[in-house]
Amino acid sequence: MNKIRDWYSKLQVREQRIVLVGGIVVVLLLVFGGVLLPLQAAASRAERRADTRREDLEWMHLHATEVRDGAAQVHADTGEAPVVLVNRIGSESGLATAFRGTQPSGVTGVRVQLEAAPFDAMIQWLDTLEQRYGLSIETITVDRTGKTGVVNASVTLNQTKH
């Protein structure tokens, strides 16, 4: 520090003023660039996040009914074994006569053989099992038959974790 004072005192008065003003400018730039700009940028980001969250909240209020209705379609826990559930939903979907075999596959899985099943009914059945009960297709083999819109299928379903 003494070396700096000695150097500064040896400067002419005009040079001392230039060094002093230059030092003040450098300090101001460091404060502005190193403190104020990052703070302003952080405040802007926080404001944008708050605006986004506010918009999301408004959307949720506007669509609350749809959200509640959608919650009713979340996987229902029936307490039934997957084999029983698959057969029951299959019968409700109009596939009762197409079932040729249903057997457990592990603890949460089911293997199903369908013969002469209406394709559209099978797709609806699979969709219901997945959307409402969390049984998703693990493997599927579909073969066409001689009749339009009718298939033979082998499906393995498994309970997904939710």
Protein backbone atom coordinates (compact mmCIF):
# COMPACT_ATOMS: atom_id res chain seq x y z
CA MET A 1 0.00 0.00 0.00
CA ASN A 2 2.90 2.33 0.75
CA LYS A 3 4.32 1.75 -2.72
CA ILE A 4 1.02 2.85 -4.25
CA ARG A 5 0.93 6.01 -2.08
CA ASP A 6 4.52 6.83 -2.99
CA TRP A 7 3.78 6.30 -6.68
CA TYR A 8 0.60 8.43 -6.45
CA SER A 9 2.33 11.27 -4.57
CA LYS A 10 5.05 11.46 -7.23
CA LEU A 11 2.43 12.10 -9.95
CA GLN A 12 1.60 15.61 -11.08
CA VAL A 13 -1.67 17.08 -9.81
CA ARG A 14 -3.32 16.63 -13.20
CA GLU A 15 -2.25 12.94 -13.36
CA GLN A 16 -3.47 12.37 -9.78
CA ARG A 17 -6.94 13.64 -10.79
CA ILE A 18 -6.97 11.35 -13.84
CA VAL A 19 -5.97 8.33 -11.73
CA LEU A 20 -8.57 9.24 -9.06
CA VAL A 21 -11.38 9.70 -11.61
CA GLY A 22 -10.30 6.51 -13.43
CA GLY A 23 -10.32 4.57 -10.14
CA ILE A 24 -13.80 5.84 -9.30
CA VAL A 25 -15.04 4.86 -12.77
CA VAL A 26 -13.54 1.37 -12.42
CA VAL A 27 -15.16 0.91 -8.98
CA LEU A 28 -18.52 2.10 -10.35
CA LEU A 29 -18.24 -0.28 -13.32
CA LEU A 30 -17.40 -3.17 -11.01
CA VAL A 31 -20.35 -2.37 -8.74
CA PHE A 32 -22.71 -1.90 -11.67
CA GLY A 33 -21.48 -4.87 -13.73
CA GLY A 34 -20.71 -7.21 -10.87
CA VAL A 35 -23.63 -6.52 -8.55
CA LEU A 36 -26.46 -4.49 -10.04
CA LEU A 37 -26.73 -6.20 -13.44
CA PRO A 38 -26.82 -9.73 -12.00
CA LEU A 39 -29.39 -8.62 -9.42
CA GLN A 40 -31.53 -7.05 -12.14
CA ALA A 41 -31.27 -10.21 -14.27
CA ALA A 42 -32.25 -12.41 -11.32
CA ALA A 43 -35.21 -10.14 -10.55
CA SER A 44 -36.34 -10.34 -14.19
CA ARG A 45 -36.14 -14.15 -14.15
CA ALA A 46 -38.10 -14.28 -10.90
CA GLU A 47 -40.74 -11.96 -12.36
CA ARG A 48 -41.07 -14.14 -15.49
CA ARG A 49 -41.42 -17.28 -13.33
CA ALA A 50 -44.09 -15.57 -11.24
CA ASP A 51 -45.96 -14.50 -14.39
CA THR A 52 -45.82 -18.05 -15.76
CA ARG A 53 -47.08 -19.49 -12.48
CA ARG A 54 -49.85 -16.88 -12.38
CA GLU A 55 -50.89 -17.86 -15.91
CA ASP A 56 -50.80 -21.54 -14.97
CA LEU A 57 -52.98 -20.86 -11.94
CA GLU A 58 -55.48 -18.93 -14.07
CA TRP A 59 -55.58 -21.84 -16.53
CA MET A 60 -56.17 -24.29 -13.68
CA HIS A 61 -59.04 -22.18 -12.34
CA LEU A 62 -60.60 -22.00 -15.81
CA HIS A 63 -60.22 -25.73 -16.41
CA ALA A 64 -60.88 -27.02 -12.88
CA THR A 65 -63.96 -28.97 -13.97
CA GLU A 66 -62.04 -30.74 -16.73
CA VAL A 67 -59.21 -31.56 -14.32
CA ARG A 68 -61.66 -32.99 -11.75
CA ASP A 69 -63.42 -35.02 -14.45
CA GLY A 70 -60.07 -36.33 -15.65
CA ALA A 71 -59.14 -37.34 -12.13
CA ALA A 72 -62.13 -39.67 -12.09
CA GLN A 73 -60.54 -41.55 -14.99
CA VAL A 74 -57.34 -42.24 -13.08
CA HIS A 75 -56.61 -45.91 -12.60
CA ALA A 76 -59.22 -47.37 -10.33
CA ASP A 77 -58.10 -49.79 -7.65
CA THR A 78 -60.82 -52.43 -7.73
CA GLY A 79 -59.10 -54.93 -5.48
CA GLU A 80 -59.70 -57.61 -8.14
CA ALA A 81 -56.98 -59.90 -9.36
CA PRO A 82 -55.79 -58.89 -12.84
CA VAL A 83 -57.19 -62.13 -14.35
CA VAL A 84 -60.66 -61.44 -12.94
CA LEU A 85 -60.51 -57.79 -13.99
CA VAL A 86 -59.48 -58.65 -17.57
CA ASN A 87 -62.33 -61.16 -17.91
CA ARG A 88 -64.93 -58.81 -16.42
CA ILE A 89 -63.95 -55.84 -18.59
CA GLY A 90 -63.75 -58.17 -21.61
CA SER A 91 -67.31 -59.34 -21.02
CA GLU A 92 -68.48 -55.75 -20.60
CA SER A 93 -66.74 -54.88 -23.90
CA GLY A 94 -68.52 -57.64 -25.80
CA LEU A 95 -65.60 -60.06 -25.96
CA ALA A 96 -66.98 -62.84 -23.72
CA THR A 97 -67.39 -65.31 -26.59
CA ALA A 98 -63.90 -64.53 -27.94
CA PHE A 99 -62.00 -65.55 -24.79
CA ARG A 100 -60.23 -68.87 -25.30
CA GLY A 101 -57.84 -68.72 -22.39
CA THR A 102 -56.85 -66.39 -19.60
CA GLN A 103 -54.02 -67.16 -17.23
CA PRO A 104 -51.90 -65.24 -14.75
CA SER A 105 -48.46 -64.09 -15.86
CA GLY A 106 -46.45 -63.36 -12.75
CA VAL A 107 -48.03 -61.43 -9.89
CA THR A 108 -49.42 -58.47 -11.84
CA GLY A 109 -49.71 -59.86 -15.36
CA VAL A 110 -52.27 -61.72 -17.45
CA ARG A 111 -52.00 -63.69 -20.70
CA VAL A 112 -55.15 -63.75 -22.83
CA GLN A 113 -56.02 -65.73 -25.97
CA LEU A 114 -58.80 -64.28 -28.12
CA GLU A 115 -60.39 -66.06 -31.06
CA ALA A 116 -62.75 -64.44 -33.56
CA ALA A 117 -62.74 -61.18 -31.61
CA PRO A 118 -64.19 -58.02 -33.13
CA PHE A 119 -61.13 -55.81 -33.66
CA ASP A 120 -62.83 -52.57 -32.57
CA ALA A 121 -64.13 -54.19 -29.37
CA MET A 122 -60.65 -55.56 -28.61
CA ILE A 123 -59.07 -52.12 -29.04
CA GLN A 124 -61.71 -50.55 -26.79
CA TRP A 125 -61.14 -53.30 -24.19
CA LEU A 126 -57.35 -52.75 -24.24
CA ASP A 127 -57.80 -48.99 -23.98
CA THR A 128 -60.15 -49.34 -20.98
CA LEU A 129 -57.75 -51.70 -19.23
CA GLU A 130 -54.87 -49.28 -19.68
CA GLN A 131 -56.62 -45.96 -19.06
CA ARG A 132 -58.78 -46.97 -16.10
CA TYR A 133 -56.94 -49.86 -14.51
CA GLY A 134 -53.27 -49.42 -15.40
CA LEU A 135 -52.94 -52.71 -17.28
CA SER A 136 -50.73 -52.03 -20.27
CA ILE A 137 -49.77 -54.25 -23.17
CA GLU A 138 -46.51 -56.07 -22.63
CA THR A 139 -46.74 -58.17 -25.81
CA ILE A 140 -49.42 -58.60 -28.44
CA THR A 141 -49.82 -60.73 -31.54
CA VAL A 142 -52.82 -60.12 -33.78
CA ASP A 143 -53.74 -62.31 -36.73
CA ARG A 144 -56.52 -61.57 -39.19
CA THR A 145 -59.21 -64.10 -39.88
CA GLY A 146 -61.25 -64.73 -43.01
CA LYS A 147 -63.94 -62.34 -41.75
CA THR A 148 -63.50 -58.56 -42.06
CA GLY A 149 -62.99 -56.78 -38.73
CA VAL A 150 -62.45 -60.00 -36.79
CA VAL A 151 -59.07 -61.12 -35.41
CA ASN A 152 -57.35 -63.76 -33.35
CA ALA A 153 -55.00 -62.34 -30.73
CA SER A 154 -52.60 -63.27 -27.99
CA VAL A 155 -52.07 -60.48 -25.46
CA THR A 156 -49.92 -60.24 -22.37
CA LEU A 157 -50.91 -57.39 -20.06
CA ASN A 158 -49.05 -56.14 -17.01
CA GLN A 159 -50.02 -53.80 -14.18
CA THR A 160 -48.02 -50.57 -14.33
CA LYS A 161 -46.94 -48.87 -11.12
CA HIS A 162 -48.71 -45.56 -10.31
